[in-house]
């Protein structure tokens, strides 16, 4: 068994590129949060979303999938940005004094804020992500790129991790999910 052909190496690199983005997201988030900078975490998340779109277009180009798959990926990125905007608007509307206190969502005034800030955007985003993945997977299967559907699933799971990461911070603080 010899070395893989360059074409095979490029295909493997394209297929595994979402995992590299997930590692970059994880390490970048840890590094910036240890320094106490949430603004830099937002930049890291945004850069990972851009890298994920680039990886998605690379996957489609290398695999020979139809362009509709790229459109579904861009739609997913759009849903991500709208979901983040929704969370920010809800945060400004529902959080008194602009500071989320520890365990706020567990008290009666915070229960509505939890639905509008976390549950609504994350669950609707997940439903729209699944729909976009379904469209992309169906098109990929029609194009006879069956094994690439696994890579598409990986891409959408990483996209959901990028989308849901800001909600983890809200959950940890507002639901008292971490112990200080």
C-alpha atoms as a PDB file:
ATOM      1  CA  UNK A   1       0.000   0.000   0.000  1.00  0.00           C
ATOM      2  CA  UNK A   2       1.679   3.163  -1.166  1.00  0.00           C
ATOM      3  CA  UNK A   3       1.144   6.816  -0.555  1.00  0.00           C
ATOM      4  CA  UNK A   4      -2.249   8.202  -1.560  1.00  0.00           C
ATOM      5  CA  UNK A   5      -2.474  10.010  -4.858  1.00  0.00           C
ATOM      6  CA  UNK A   6      -2.493  13.806  -4.621  1.00  0.00           C
ATOM      7  CA  UNK A   7      -6.131  13.806  -5.674  1.00  0.00           C
ATOM      8  CA  UNK A   8      -6.990  11.478  -2.807  1.00  0.00           C
ATOM      9  CA  UNK A   9      -5.046  13.579  -0.319  1.00  0.00           C
ATOM     10  CA  UNK A  10      -6.932  16.701  -1.391  1.00  0.00           C
ATOM     11  CA  UNK A  11     -10.242  14.870  -1.038  1.00  0.00           C
ATOM     12  CA  UNK A  12      -9.346  13.626   2.432  1.00  0.00           C
ATOM     13  CA  UNK A  13      -8.194  17.106   3.486  1.00  0.00           C
ATOM     14  CA  UNK A  14     -11.437  18.631   2.209  1.00  0.00           C
ATOM     15  CA  UNK A  15     -13.528  15.993   3.948  1.00  0.00           C
ATOM     16  CA  UNK A  16     -11.757  16.525   7.281  1.00  0.00           C
ATOM     17  CA  UNK A  17     -11.586  20.330   7.104  1.00  0.00           C
ATOM     18  CA  UNK A  18     -14.683  20.839   9.318  1.00  0.00           C
ATOM     19  CA  UNK A  19     -12.901  18.970  12.119  1.00  0.00           C
ATOM     20  CA  UNK A  20      -9.980  21.383  11.887  1.00  0.00           C
ATOM     21  CA  UNK A  21     -12.398  24.291  12.198  1.00  0.00           C
ATOM     22  CA  UNK A  22     -14.022  22.673  15.239  1.00  0.00           C
ATOM     23  CA  UNK A  23     -10.604  22.323  16.898  1.00  0.00           C
ATOM     24  CA  UNK A  24      -9.787  25.962  16.059  1.00  0.00           C
ATOM     25  CA  UNK A  25     -13.124  27.053  17.542  1.00  0.00           C
ATOM     26  CA  UNK A  26     -12.518  25.085  20.709  1.00  0.00           C
ATOM     27  CA  UNK A  27      -8.913  26.194  21.232  1.00  0.00           C
ATOM     28  CA  UNK A  28      -9.626  29.793  20.249  1.00  0.00           C
ATOM     29  CA  UNK A  29     -12.566  30.034  22.623  1.00  0.00           C
ATOM     30  CA  UNK A  30     -10.618  28.573  25.525  1.00  0.00           C
ATOM     31  CA  UNK A  31      -7.634  30.834  24.900  1.00  0.00           C
ATOM     32  CA  UNK A  32      -9.691  34.013  24.692  1.00  0.00           C
ATOM     33  CA  UNK A  33     -11.962  33.217  27.640  1.00  0.00           C
ATOM     34  CA  UNK A  34      -8.930  32.556  29.840  1.00  0.00           C
ATOM     35  CA  UNK A  35      -7.939  36.127  29.147  1.00  0.00           C
ATOM     36  CA  UNK A  36     -11.462  37.324  30.028  1.00  0.00           C
ATOM     37  CA  UNK A  37     -12.301  38.816  26.645  1.00  0.00           C
ATOM     38  CA  UNK A  38     -15.759  38.011  25.287  1.00  0.00           C
ATOM     39  CA  UNK A  39     -15.304  40.428  22.382  1.00  0.00           C
ATOM     40  CA  UNK A  40     -12.388  38.386  21.064  1.00  0.00           C
ATOM     41  CA  UNK A  41     -14.480  35.203  21.438  1.00  0.00           C
ATOM     42  CA  UNK A  42     -17.046  36.794  19.109  1.00  0.00           C
ATOM     43  CA  UNK A  43     -14.289  37.447  16.570  1.00  0.00           C
ATOM     44  CA  UNK A  44     -13.072  33.836  16.882  1.00  0.00           C
ATOM     45  CA  UNK A  45     -16.610  32.531  16.319  1.00  0.00           C
ATOM     46  CA  UNK A  46     -17.096  34.830  13.310  1.00  0.00           C
ATOM     47  CA  UNK A  47     -13.781  33.770  11.762  1.00  0.00           C
ATOM     48  CA  UNK A  48     -14.721  30.113  12.272  1.00  0.00           C
ATOM     49  CA  UNK A  49     -18.021  30.728  10.463  1.00  0.00           C
ATOM     50  CA  UNK A  50     -16.153  32.250   7.512  1.00  0.00           C
ATOM     51  CA  UNK A  51     -13.663  29.364   7.502  1.00  0.00           C
ATOM     52  CA  UNK A  52     -16.553  26.917   7.605  1.00  0.00           C
ATOM     53  CA  UNK A  53     -18.096  28.509   4.512  1.00  0.00           C
ATOM     54  CA  UNK A  54     -14.750  28.281   2.728  1.00  0.00           C
ATOM     55  CA  UNK A  55     -14.428  24.618   3.743  1.00  0.00           C
ATOM     56  CA  UNK A  56     -17.963  23.962   2.522  1.00  0.00           C
ATOM     57  CA  UNK A  57     -17.307  25.389  -0.906  1.00  0.00           C
ATOM     58  CA  UNK A  58     -14.048  23.389  -1.068  1.00  0.00           C
ATOM     59  CA  UNK A  59     -15.931  20.185  -0.177  1.00  0.00           C
ATOM     60  CA  UNK A  60     -18.520  20.824  -2.888  1.00  0.00           C
ATOM     61  CA  UNK A  61     -15.871  21.627  -5.492  1.00  0.00           C
ATOM     62  CA  UNK A  62     -13.724  18.571  -4.706  1.00  0.00           C
ATOM     63  CA  UNK A  63     -16.639  16.143  -4.465  1.00  0.00           C
ATOM     64  CA  UNK A  64     -18.495  17.265  -7.567  1.00  0.00           C
ATOM     65  CA  UNK A  65     -21.740  17.984  -5.718  1.00  0.00           C
ATOM     66  CA  UNK A  66     -24.235  20.399  -7.259  1.00  0.00           C
ATOM     67  CA  UNK A  67     -24.070  24.122  -6.441  1.00  0.00           C
ATOM     68  CA  UNK A  68     -27.370  23.858  -4.542  1.00  0.00           C
ATOM     69  CA  UNK A  69     -25.366  22.375  -1.676  1.00  0.00           C
ATOM     70  CA  UNK A  70     -23.291  25.566  -1.429  1.00  0.00           C
ATOM     71  CA  UNK A  71     -26.510  27.589  -1.440  1.00  0.00           C
ATOM     72  CA  UNK A  72     -27.791  25.501   1.488  1.00  0.00           C
ATOM     73  CA  UNK A  73     -24.516  26.158   3.317  1.00  0.00           C
ATOM     74  CA  UNK A  74     -24.828  29.901   2.745  1.00  0.00           C
ATOM     75  CA  UNK A  75     -28.444  29.758   3.929  1.00  0.00           C
ATOM     76  CA  UNK A  76     -27.218  28.034   7.083  1.00  0.00           C
ATOM     77  CA  UNK A  77     -24.685  30.830   7.644  1.00  0.00           C
ATOM     78  CA  UNK A  78     -27.487  33.361   7.161  1.00  0.00           C
ATOM     79  CA  UNK A  79     -29.641  31.566   9.734  1.00  0.00           C
ATOM     80  CA  UNK A  80     -26.661  31.631  12.090  1.00  0.00           C
ATOM     81  CA  UNK A  81     -26.290  35.399  11.804  1.00  0.00           C
ATOM     82  CA  UNK A  82     -30.040  35.984  12.181  1.00  0.00           C
ATOM     83  CA  UNK A  83     -30.089  33.724  15.257  1.00  0.00           C
ATOM     84  CA  UNK A  84     -27.228  35.636  16.840  1.00  0.00           C
ATOM     85  CA  UNK A  85     -28.979  38.941  16.105  1.00  0.00           C
ATOM     86  CA  UNK A  86     -32.191  37.563  17.616  1.00  0.00           C
ATOM     87  CA  UNK A  87     -30.322  36.597  20.784  1.00  0.00           C
ATOM     88  CA  UNK A  88     -28.732  40.037  21.047  1.00  0.00           C
ATOM     89  CA  UNK A  89     -32.029  41.893  20.592  1.00  0.00           C
ATOM     90  CA  UNK A  90     -33.713  39.642  23.163  1.00  0.00           C
ATOM     91  CA  UNK A  91     -30.799  40.204  25.542  1.00  0.00           C
ATOM     92  CA  UNK A  92     -31.173  43.971  25.294  1.00  0.00           C
ATOM     93  CA  UNK A  93     -34.954  43.742  25.730  1.00  0.00           C
ATOM     94  CA  UNK A  94     -35.146  41.277  28.630  1.00  0.00           C
ATOM     95  CA  UNK A  95     -32.012  41.616  30.743  1.00  0.00           C
ATOM     96  CA  UNK A  96     -32.224  44.432  33.272  1.00  0.00           C
ATOM     97  CA  UNK A  97     -29.276  46.811  33.310  1.00  0.00           C
ATOM     98  CA  UNK A  98     -27.597  44.825  30.507  1.00  0.00           C
ATOM     99  CA  UNK A  99     -25.964  42.447  32.990  1.00  0.00           C
ATOM    100  CA  UNK A 100     -27.002  38.796  33.197  1.00  0.00           C
ATOM    101  CA  UNK A 101     -26.902  37.790  36.840  1.00  0.00           C
ATOM    102  CA  UNK A 102     -26.042  34.297  37.981  1.00  0.00           C
ATOM    103  CA  UNK A 103     -29.189  32.121  37.954  1.00  0.00           C
ATOM    104  CA  UNK A 104     -31.422  34.811  36.385  1.00  0.00           C
ATOM    105  CA  UNK A 105     -33.295  32.333  34.147  1.00  0.00           C
ATOM    106  CA  UNK A 106     -34.240  30.217  37.162  1.00  0.00           C
ATOM    107  CA  UNK A 107     -36.311  33.020  38.708  1.00  0.00           C
ATOM    108  CA  UNK A 108     -39.838  33.930  37.483  1.00  0.00           C
ATOM    109  CA  UNK A 109     -38.890  37.146  35.640  1.00  0.00           C
ATOM    110  CA  UNK A 110     -36.121  35.320  33.783  1.00  0.00           C
ATOM    111  CA  UNK A 111     -38.230  32.426  32.487  1.00  0.00           C
ATOM    112  CA  UNK A 112     -39.630  34.417  29.533  1.00  0.00           C
ATOM    113  CA  UNK A 113     -36.184  35.808  28.777  1.00  0.00           C
ATOM    114  CA  UNK A 114     -34.817  32.255  28.647  1.00  0.00           C
ATOM    115  CA  UNK A 115     -37.369  31.259  26.018  1.00  0.00           C
ATOM    116  CA  UNK A 116     -36.748  34.309  23.830  1.00  0.00           C
ATOM    117  CA  UNK A 117     -32.959  34.386  24.259  1.00  0.00           C
ATOM    118  CA  UNK A 118     -31.974  30.738  24.271  1.00  0.00           C
ATOM    119  CA  UNK A 119     -34.666  28.180  23.576  1.00  0.00           C
ATOM    120  CA  UNK A 120     -36.319  29.967  20.659  1.00  0.00           C
ATOM    121  CA  UNK A 121     -33.255  30.806  18.573  1.00  0.00           C
ATOM    122  CA  UNK A 122     -31.430  27.538  19.277  1.00  0.00           C
ATOM    123  CA  UNK A 123     -34.400  25.258  18.592  1.00  0.00           C
ATOM    124  CA  UNK A 124     -35.589  27.134  15.502  1.00  0.00           C
ATOM    125  CA  UNK A 125     -32.003  27.353  14.259  1.00  0.00           C
ATOM    126  CA  UNK A 126     -31.604  23.604  14.764  1.00  0.00           C
ATOM    127  CA  UNK A 127     -34.792  22.948  12.784  1.00  0.00           C
ATOM    128  CA  UNK A 128     -33.639  25.183   9.923  1.00  0.00           C
ATOM    129  CA  UNK A 129     -30.152  23.622   9.986  1.00  0.00           C
ATOM    130  CA  UNK A 130     -31.706  20.157   9.726  1.00  0.00           C
ATOM    131  CA  UNK A 131     -33.885  21.288   6.820  1.00  0.00           C
ATOM    132  CA  UNK A 132     -30.908  22.766   4.956  1.00  0.00           C
ATOM    133  CA  UNK A 133     -28.921  19.578   5.590  1.00  0.00           C
ATOM    134  CA  UNK A 134     -31.835  17.508   4.270  1.00  0.00           C
ATOM    135  CA  UNK A 135     -31.938  19.546   1.056  1.00  0.00           C
ATOM    136  CA  UNK A 136     -28.169  19.312   0.613  1.00  0.00           C
ATOM    137  CA  UNK A 137     -28.058  15.577   1.382  1.00  0.00           C
ATOM    138  CA  UNK A 138     -30.865  14.847  -1.064  1.00  0.00           C
ATOM    139  CA  UNK A 139     -29.073  16.760  -3.815  1.00  0.00           C
ATOM    140  CA  UNK A 140     -25.778  15.062  -3.003  1.00  0.00           C
ATOM    141  CA  UNK A 141     -27.420  11.646  -3.168  1.00  0.00           C
ATOM    142  CA  UNK A 142     -29.009  12.508  -6.518  1.00  0.00           C
ATOM    143  CA  UNK A 143     -25.573  13.542  -7.800  1.00  0.00           C
ATOM    144  CA  UNK A 144     -24.220  10.101  -6.832  1.00  0.00           C
ATOM    145  CA  UNK A 145     -21.847  11.468  -4.196  1.00  0.00           C
ATOM    146  CA  UNK A 146     -23.120   9.170  -1.460  1.00  0.00           C
ATOM    147  CA  UNK A 147     -20.067   9.014   0.778  1.00  0.00           C
ATOM    148  CA  UNK A 148     -19.782  12.790   0.802  1.00  0.00           C
ATOM    149  CA  UNK A 149     -23.092  12.986   2.683  1.00  0.00           C
ATOM    150  CA  UNK A 150     -21.140  11.948   5.795  1.00  0.00           C
ATOM    151  CA  UNK A 151     -18.901  14.959   5.275  1.00  0.00           C
ATOM    152  CA  UNK A 152     -21.968  17.152   4.825  1.00  0.00           C
ATOM    153  CA  UNK A 153     -23.331  15.866   8.129  1.00  0.00           C
ATOM    154  CA  UNK A 154     -20.005  16.690   9.779  1.00  0.00           C
ATOM    155  CA  UNK A 155     -20.107  20.176   8.223  1.00  0.00           C
ATOM    156  CA  UNK A 156     -23.621  20.821   9.553  1.00  0.00           C
ATOM    157  CA  UNK A 157     -22.755  19.550  13.034  1.00  0.00           C
ATOM    158  CA  UNK A 158     -19.770  21.888  13.194  1.00  0.00           C
ATOM    159  CA  UNK A 159     -21.963  24.733  11.877  1.00  0.00           C
ATOM    160  CA  UNK A 160     -24.435  24.043  14.691  1.00  0.00           C
ATOM    161  CA  UNK A 161     -21.598  24.081  17.235  1.00  0.00           C
ATOM    162  CA  UNK A 162     -20.508  27.490  15.909  1.00  0.00           C
ATOM    163  CA  UNK A 163     -24.119  28.709  16.050  1.00  0.00           C
ATOM    164  CA  UNK A 164     -24.849  27.403  19.551  1.00  0.00           C
ATOM    165  CA  UNK A 165     -21.616  28.446  21.255  1.00  0.00           C
ATOM    166  CA  UNK A 166     -22.906  31.876  22.402  1.00  0.00           C
ATOM    167  CA  UNK A 167     -25.919  30.128  23.958  1.00  0.00           C
ATOM    168  CA  UNK A 168     -23.610  28.013  26.097  1.00  0.00           C
ATOM    169  CA  UNK A 169     -22.362  31.180  27.780  1.00  0.00           C
ATOM    170  CA  UNK A 170     -25.930  32.363  28.383  1.00  0.00           C
ATOM    171  CA  UNK A 171     -26.887  28.958  29.769  1.00  0.00           C
ATOM    172  CA  UNK A 172     -23.872  28.748  32.078  1.00  0.00           C
ATOM    173  CA  UNK A 173     -24.568  32.153  33.599  1.00  0.00           C
ATOM    174  CA  UNK A 174     -28.363  32.460  33.451  1.00  0.00           C
ATOM    175  CA  UNK A 175     -29.263  28.885  34.365  1.00  0.00           C
ATOM    176  CA  UNK A 176     -26.497  28.661  36.929  1.00  0.00           C
ATOM    177  CA  UNK A 177     -25.063  25.797  34.908  1.00  0.00           C
ATOM    178  CA  UNK A 178     -21.609  26.304  36.370  1.00  0.00           C
ATOM    179  CA  UNK A 179     -20.625  26.472  39.998  1.00  0.00           C
ATOM    180  CA  UNK A 180     -18.406  29.265  41.148  1.00  0.00           C
END
